[in-house]
Amino acid sequence: MTKEKNEPFHGKISVHPRGFGFVSGSASGQDVFIPKPFISSALDGDTVEAIVTDESKKGLEGKVLAIIERARSEFVGTVTELLDNGIAQVLIPVVSREKPAKIRVGKECKVGDRIILEVDEWKN
């Protein structure tokens, strides 16, 4: 086992559409594989704090501990359903391909509209 196991490090994460990712920036210079359950709320391009939890012949494996800096604050989504009180369900593929978010939208929105969303505050 390398001495970097359980030593937190900062790096950029590349997230695959299937939900797993790789973080660059480990002490050994190797990318660290992050399984889907250990990605936390990290999105592609974010700077994260991660640790190496295992090392095998396949390489290093780890988990995300915290999001240090978000890579973006704007996203594109598609309105999938209009709910009451100006709320709509919006599918944002970069965030989740399965679960729509509930977003307050203007009255002029309709199902199928593509909209640009700006995140004011991230909640963990």
N, C-alpha and C. Protein backbone atom coordinates (compact mmCIF):
# COMPACT_ATOMS: atom_id res chain seq x y z
N MET A 1 0.84 -1.18 0.00
CA MET A 1 0.00 0.00 0.00
C MET A 1 0.88 1.24 0.00
N THR A 2 0.50 2.24 -0.76
CA THR A 2 1.29 3.47 -0.79
C THR A 2 1.03 4.29 0.46
N LYS A 3 1.95 5.19 0.76
CA LYS A 3 1.78 6.01 1.95
C LYS A 3 0.71 7.08 1.76
N GLU A 4 0.20 7.25 0.51
CA GLU A 4 -0.82 8.26 0.29
C GLU A 4 -2.22 7.78 0.67
N LYS A 5 -2.40 6.51 1.00
CA LYS A 5 -3.71 6.03 1.39
C LYS A 5 -4.20 6.82 2.61
N ASN A 6 -5.42 7.26 2.54
CA ASN A 6 -6.08 8.06 3.58
C ASN A 6 -5.49 9.45 3.77
N GLU A 7 -4.59 9.89 2.88
CA GLU A 7 -4.08 11.27 2.90
C GLU A 7 -4.92 12.10 1.94
N PRO A 8 -5.70 13.05 2.45
CA PRO A 8 -6.54 13.87 1.55
C PRO A 8 -5.69 14.66 0.55
N PHE A 9 -6.21 14.82 -0.65
CA PHE A 9 -5.57 15.62 -1.69
C PHE A 9 -6.65 16.34 -2.48
N HIS A 10 -6.26 17.41 -3.17
CA HIS A 10 -7.19 18.17 -4.01
C HIS A 10 -6.89 17.86 -5.47
N GLY A 11 -7.94 17.76 -6.27
CA GLY A 11 -7.78 17.53 -7.70
C GLY A 11 -9.06 17.77 -8.44
N LYS A 12 -8.97 17.78 -9.76
CA LYS A 12 -10.16 17.95 -10.62
C LYS A 12 -10.75 16.58 -10.89
N ILE A 13 -12.08 16.53 -10.89
CA ILE A 13 -12.76 15.26 -11.16
C ILE A 13 -13.34 15.25 -12.57
N SER A 14 -13.20 14.13 -13.24
CA SER A 14 -13.85 13.88 -14.52
C SER A 14 -14.91 12.83 -14.25
N VAL A 15 -16.17 13.18 -14.49
CA VAL A 15 -17.28 12.28 -14.19
C VAL A 15 -17.80 11.67 -15.49
N HIS A 16 -17.90 10.36 -15.52
CA HIS A 16 -18.44 9.62 -16.66
C HIS A 16 -19.97 9.68 -16.60
N PRO A 17 -20.66 9.67 -17.75
CA PRO A 17 -22.14 9.69 -17.73
C PRO A 17 -22.77 8.56 -16.92
N ARG A 18 -22.05 7.44 -16.73
CA ARG A 18 -22.60 6.34 -15.93
C ARG A 18 -22.45 6.57 -14.43
N GLY A 19 -21.80 7.68 -14.02
CA GLY A 19 -21.79 8.05 -12.61
C GLY A 19 -20.50 7.86 -11.86
N PHE A 20 -19.53 7.15 -12.41
CA PHE A 20 -18.24 7.02 -11.74
C PHE A 20 -17.33 8.14 -12.22
N GLY A 21 -16.17 8.29 -11.59
CA GLY A 21 -15.27 9.35 -12.01
C GLY A 21 -13.82 9.04 -11.73
N PHE A 22 -12.96 9.97 -12.12
CA PHE A 22 -11.53 9.90 -11.88
C PHE A 22 -11.06 11.26 -11.40
N VAL A 23 -10.26 11.26 -10.33
CA VAL A 23 -9.70 12.50 -9.81
C VAL A 23 -8.22 12.52 -10.10
N SER A 24 -7.75 13.62 -10.69
CA SER A 24 -6.32 13.81 -10.90
C SER A 24 -5.72 14.52 -9.70
N GLY A 25 -4.42 14.45 -9.53
CA GLY A 25 -3.77 15.20 -8.47
C GLY A 25 -3.30 14.40 -7.27
N SER A 26 -3.32 13.07 -7.37
CA SER A 26 -2.84 12.27 -6.24
C SER A 26 -1.32 12.43 -6.12
N ALA A 27 -0.78 12.10 -4.96
CA ALA A 27 0.66 12.23 -4.70
C ALA A 27 1.49 11.41 -5.69
N SER A 28 0.96 10.27 -6.13
CA SER A 28 1.71 9.40 -7.05
C SER A 28 1.60 9.87 -8.50
N GLY A 29 0.71 10.82 -8.76
CA GLY A 29 0.50 11.28 -10.13
C GLY A 29 -0.53 10.45 -10.88
N GLN A 30 -0.99 9.35 -10.27
CA GLN A 30 -2.00 8.50 -10.91
C GLN A 30 -3.39 9.09 -10.69
N ASP A 31 -4.26 8.90 -11.68
CA ASP A 31 -5.67 9.25 -11.47
C ASP A 31 -6.27 8.25 -10.48
N VAL A 32 -7.20 8.72 -9.67
CA VAL A 32 -7.84 7.88 -8.68
C VAL A 32 -9.28 7.60 -9.13
N PHE A 33 -9.62 6.32 -9.27
CA PHE A 33 -10.96 5.91 -9.65
C PHE A 33 -11.91 6.14 -8.48
N ILE A 34 -13.06 6.79 -8.77
CA ILE A 34 -14.07 7.04 -7.74
C ILE A 34 -15.35 6.32 -8.15
N PRO A 35 -15.75 5.25 -7.43
CA PRO A 35 -17.00 4.55 -7.76
C PRO A 35 -18.20 5.48 -7.55
N LYS A 36 -19.27 5.21 -8.28
CA LYS A 36 -20.48 6.04 -8.23
C LYS A 36 -20.97 6.33 -6.80
N PRO A 37 -21.01 5.35 -5.88
CA PRO A 37 -21.51 5.65 -4.53
C PRO A 37 -20.63 6.63 -3.75
N PHE A 38 -19.39 6.86 -4.20
CA PHE A 38 -18.46 7.70 -3.45
C PHE A 38 -18.14 9.02 -4.15
N ILE A 39 -18.94 9.38 -5.15
CA ILE A 39 -18.76 10.63 -5.91
C ILE A 39 -19.28 11.83 -5.13
N SER A 40 -20.17 11.60 -4.16
CA SER A 40 -20.82 12.68 -3.41
C SER A 40 -21.66 13.48 -4.41
N SER A 41 -21.64 14.79 -4.32
CA SER A 41 -22.41 15.62 -5.26
C SER A 41 -21.50 16.25 -6.30
N ALA A 42 -20.30 15.69 -6.49
CA ALA A 42 -19.34 16.26 -7.44
C ALA A 42 -19.86 16.15 -8.87
N LEU A 43 -19.58 17.18 -9.64
CA LEU A 43 -19.92 17.22 -11.05
C LEU A 43 -18.64 17.35 -11.87
N ASP A 44 -18.72 16.99 -13.14
CA ASP A 44 -17.56 17.01 -14.02
C ASP A 44 -16.86 18.37 -13.97
N GLY A 45 -15.54 18.32 -13.74
CA GLY A 45 -14.74 19.54 -13.73
C GLY A 45 -14.58 20.20 -12.39
N ASP A 46 -15.34 19.77 -11.37
CA ASP A 46 -15.21 20.36 -10.03
C ASP A 46 -13.84 20.05 -9.44
N THR A 47 -13.38 20.94 -8.57
CA THR A 47 -12.20 20.66 -7.77
C THR A 47 -12.69 20.05 -6.47
N VAL A 48 -12.14 18.89 -6.12
CA VAL A 48 -12.63 18.16 -4.95
C VAL A 48 -11.49 17.81 -4.01
N GLU A 49 -11.86 17.51 -2.77
CA GLU A 49 -10.93 16.90 -1.83
C GLU A 49 -11.29 15.42 -1.81
N ALA A 50 -10.30 14.56 -2.01
CA ALA A 50 -10.54 13.12 -2.08
C ALA A 50 -9.46 12.39 -1.29
N ILE A 51 -9.71 11.11 -1.04
CA ILE A 51 -8.70 10.26 -0.43
C ILE A 51 -8.62 8.95 -1.21
N VAL A 52 -7.47 8.32 -1.14
CA VAL A 52 -7.28 6.98 -1.70
C VAL A 52 -7.70 6.01 -0.61
N THR A 53 -8.61 5.10 -0.96
CA THR A 53 -9.08 4.11 0.02
C THR A 53 -8.56 2.71 -0.25
N ASP A 54 -8.10 2.48 -1.50
CA ASP A 54 -7.64 1.14 -1.86
C ASP A 54 -6.67 1.23 -3.03
N GLU A 55 -5.79 0.27 -3.10
CA GLU A 55 -4.85 0.17 -4.22
C GLU A 55 -4.80 -1.28 -4.66
N SER A 56 -4.95 -1.50 -5.96
CA SER A 56 -4.90 -2.86 -6.49
C SER A 56 -4.09 -2.85 -7.78
N LYS A 57 -4.04 -3.99 -8.44
CA LYS A 57 -3.34 -4.07 -9.73
C LYS A 57 -3.98 -3.16 -10.76
N LYS A 58 -5.28 -2.90 -10.60
CA LYS A 58 -5.99 -2.01 -11.52
C LYS A 58 -5.65 -0.55 -11.29
N GLY A 59 -5.18 -0.20 -10.08
CA GLY A 59 -4.83 1.19 -9.79
C GLY A 59 -5.41 1.64 -8.47
N LEU A 60 -5.48 2.96 -8.30
CA LEU A 60 -5.96 3.54 -7.06
C LEU A 60 -7.47 3.74 -7.09
N GLU A 61 -8.10 3.54 -5.94
CA GLU A 61 -9.54 3.77 -5.80
C GLU A 61 -9.74 4.67 -4.58
N GLY A 62 -10.75 5.52 -4.64
CA GLY A 62 -10.95 6.43 -3.52
C GLY A 62 -12.36 6.94 -3.42
N LYS A 63 -12.51 8.04 -2.65
CA LYS A 63 -13.81 8.66 -2.50
C LYS A 63 -13.64 10.16 -2.34
N VAL A 64 -14.68 10.89 -2.72
CA VAL A 64 -14.71 12.34 -2.60
C VAL A 64 -15.15 12.69 -1.18
N LEU A 65 -14.38 13.56 -0.53
CA LEU A 65 -14.71 14.01 0.82
C LEU A 65 -15.49 15.33 0.80
N ALA A 66 -15.12 16.23 -0.13
CA ALA A 66 -15.75 17.55 -0.16
C ALA A 66 -15.58 18.18 -1.53
N ILE A 67 -16.47 19.11 -1.86
CA ILE A 67 -16.35 19.91 -3.07
C ILE A 67 -15.62 21.20 -2.68
N ILE A 68 -14.48 21.47 -3.29
CA ILE A 68 -13.69 22.66 -2.99
C ILE A 68 -14.15 23.83 -3.84
N GLU A 69 -14.34 23.58 -5.14
CA GLU A 69 -14.78 24.64 -6.05
C GLU A 69 -15.58 24.03 -7.18
N ARG A 70 -16.73 24.64 -7.46
CA ARG A 70 -17.56 24.18 -8.57
C ARG A 70 -17.00 24.70 -9.89
N ALA A 71 -17.06 23.87 -10.91
CA ALA A 71 -16.54 24.23 -12.23
C ALA A 71 -17.49 25.17 -12.97
N ARG A 72 -18.75 25.11 -12.61
CA ARG A 72 -19.73 25.95 -13.30
C ARG A 72 -20.88 26.29 -12.39
N SER A 73 -21.58 27.36 -12.75
CA SER A 73 -22.76 27.75 -11.99
C SER A 73 -23.99 27.83 -12.89
N GLU A 74 -23.80 27.63 -14.19
CA GLU A 74 -24.94 27.63 -15.13
C GLU A 74 -25.09 26.26 -15.77
N PHE A 75 -26.35 25.86 -15.95
CA PHE A 75 -26.67 24.57 -16.54
C PHE A 75 -27.84 24.73 -17.51
N VAL A 76 -27.95 23.82 -18.46
CA VAL A 76 -29.07 23.79 -19.39
C VAL A 76 -29.98 22.64 -18.98
N GLY A 77 -31.28 22.90 -18.95
CA GLY A 77 -32.25 21.87 -18.60
C GLY A 77 -33.44 21.92 -19.52
N THR A 78 -34.24 20.86 -19.47
CA THR A 78 -35.46 20.77 -20.27
C THR A 78 -36.65 20.63 -19.33
N VAL A 79 -37.66 21.48 -19.52
CA VAL A 79 -38.87 21.42 -18.71
C VAL A 79 -39.62 20.14 -19.09
N THR A 80 -39.86 19.27 -18.08
CA THR A 80 -40.55 18.00 -18.35
C THR A 80 -41.98 18.01 -17.84
N GLU A 81 -42.27 18.89 -16.87
CA GLU A 81 -43.63 18.95 -16.31
C GLU A 81 -43.81 20.29 -15.60
N LEU A 82 -45.00 20.88 -15.78
CA LEU A 82 -45.34 22.10 -15.06
C LEU A 82 -46.18 21.73 -13.86
N LEU A 83 -45.77 22.20 -12.70
CA LEU A 83 -46.47 21.92 -11.45
C LEU A 83 -47.19 23.20 -11.01
N ASP A 84 -47.70 23.24 -9.81
CA ASP A 84 -48.41 24.42 -9.31
C ASP A 84 -47.45 25.52 -8.86
N ASN A 85 -47.96 26.73 -8.77
CA ASN A 85 -47.25 27.88 -8.19
C ASN A 85 -45.94 28.23 -8.90
N GLY A 86 -45.89 28.09 -10.23
CA GLY A 86 -44.70 28.48 -10.98
C GLY A 86 -43.51 27.55 -10.82
N ILE A 87 -43.76 26.33 -10.35
CA ILE A 87 -42.71 25.33 -10.20
C ILE A 87 -42.79 24.35 -11.38
N ALA A 88 -41.62 23.97 -11.89
CA ALA A 88 -41.57 23.01 -12.98
C ALA A 88 -40.54 21.94 -12.64
N GLN A 89 -40.77 20.75 -13.16
CA GLN A 89 -39.75 19.71 -13.11
C GLN A 89 -38.86 19.91 -14.32
N VAL A 90 -37.56 19.97 -14.07
CA VAL A 90 -36.60 20.23 -15.13
C VAL A 90 -35.53 19.14 -15.11
N LEU A 91 -35.31 18.52 -16.24
CA LEU A 91 -34.26 17.51 -16.36
C LEU A 91 -32.96 18.22 -16.74
N ILE A 92 -31.94 18.05 -15.90
CA ILE A 92 -30.63 18.68 -16.11
C ILE A 92 -29.62 17.55 -16.26
N PRO A 93 -29.35 17.11 -17.51
CA PRO A 93 -28.53 15.92 -17.72
C PRO A 93 -27.16 15.95 -17.06
N VAL A 94 -26.52 17.11 -16.96
CA VAL A 94 -25.20 17.18 -16.35
C VAL A 94 -25.26 16.85 -14.86
N VAL A 95 -26.38 17.14 -14.22
CA VAL A 95 -26.55 16.89 -12.79
C VAL A 95 -27.08 15.48 -12.55
N SER A 96 -28.15 15.09 -13.26
CA SER A 96 -28.72 13.76 -13.12
C SER A 96 -29.53 13.43 -14.37
N ARG A 97 -29.26 12.27 -14.94
CA ARG A 97 -30.02 11.84 -16.12
C ARG A 97 -31.34 11.17 -15.75
N GLU A 98 -31.51 10.82 -14.46
CA GLU A 98 -32.70 10.10 -14.04
C GLU A 98 -33.69 10.95 -13.25
N LYS A 99 -33.20 11.88 -12.46
CA LYS A 99 -34.05 12.57 -11.50
C LYS A 99 -34.18 14.06 -11.84
N PRO A 100 -35.38 14.51 -12.24
CA PRO A 100 -35.57 15.94 -12.53
C PRO A 100 -35.51 16.77 -11.25
N ALA A 101 -35.12 18.03 -11.39
CA ALA A 101 -35.10 18.98 -10.27
C ALA A 101 -36.37 19.81 -10.32
N LYS A 102 -36.81 20.27 -9.16
CA LYS A 102 -37.96 21.18 -9.10
C LYS A 102 -37.40 22.60 -9.04
N ILE A 103 -37.80 23.41 -10.03
CA ILE A 103 -37.26 24.75 -10.21
C ILE A 103 -38.41 25.75 -10.36
N ARG A 104 -38.26 26.94 -9.78
CA ARG A 104 -39.23 28.01 -10.00
C ARG A 104 -38.95 28.62 -11.37
N VAL A 105 -39.96 28.68 -12.21
CA VAL A 105 -39.81 29.19 -13.58
C VAL A 105 -40.85 30.27 -13.85
N GLY A 106 -40.64 31.01 -14.93
CA GLY A 106 -41.60 32.03 -15.34
C GLY A 106 -42.85 31.42 -15.93
N LYS A 107 -43.91 32.21 -15.98
CA LYS A 107 -45.20 31.71 -16.50
C LYS A 107 -45.14 31.36 -17.98
N GLU A 108 -44.17 31.92 -18.69
CA GLU A 108 -44.10 31.69 -20.13
C GLU A 108 -43.48 30.34 -20.49
N CYS A 109 -42.98 29.60 -19.52
CA CYS A 109 -42.38 28.28 -19.79
C CYS A 109 -43.45 27.25 -20.11
N LYS A 110 -43.07 26.32 -20.99
CA LYS A 110 -43.97 25.20 -21.29
C LYS A 110 -43.14 23.93 -21.38
N VAL A 111 -43.82 22.80 -21.31
CA VAL A 111 -43.14 21.50 -21.38
C VAL A 111 -42.36 21.42 -22.69
N GLY A 112 -41.12 20.98 -22.59
CA GLY A 112 -40.24 20.85 -23.76
C GLY A 112 -39.29 22.02 -23.93
N ASP A 113 -39.54 23.13 -23.24
CA ASP A 113 -38.63 24.28 -23.34
C ASP A 113 -37.27 23.93 -22.75
N ARG A 114 -36.23 24.41 -23.41
CA ARG A 114 -34.87 24.29 -22.86
C ARG A 114 -34.56 25.62 -22.20
N ILE A 115 -34.08 25.55 -20.97
CA ILE A 115 -33.82 26.77 -20.22
C ILE A 115 -32.42 26.76 -19.63
N ILE A 116 -31.89 27.94 -19.38
CA ILE A 116 -30.59 28.08 -18.73
C ILE A 116 -30.86 28.38 -17.26
N LEU A 117 -30.21 27.61 -16.39
CA LEU A 117 -30.38 27.75 -14.94
C LEU A 117 -29.08 28.24 -14.33
N GLU A 118 -29.17 29.18 -13.41
CA GLU A 118 -28.00 29.63 -12.68
C GLU A 118 -28.18 29.27 -11.21
N VAL A 119 -27.19 28.59 -10.66
CA VAL A 119 -27.25 28.16 -9.26
C VAL A 119 -26.83 29.33 -8.38
N ASP A 120 -27.73 29.73 -7.47
CA ASP A 120 -27.42 30.80 -6.52
C ASP A 120 -26.72 30.25 -5.28
N GLU A 121 -27.12 29.05 -4.88
CA GLU A 121 -26.58 28.47 -3.64
C GLU A 121 -26.56 26.95 -3.79
N TRP A 122 -25.43 26.34 -3.43
CA TRP A 122 -25.30 24.89 -3.43
C TRP A 122 -25.60 24.39 -2.02
N LYS A 123 -26.43 23.38 -1.93
CA LYS A 123 -26.70 22.73 -0.65
C LYS A 123 -26.09 21.35 -0.68
N ASN A 124 -25.49 20.95 0.42
CA ASN A 124 -24.86 19.62 0.51
C ASN A 124 -25.85 18.57 0.92
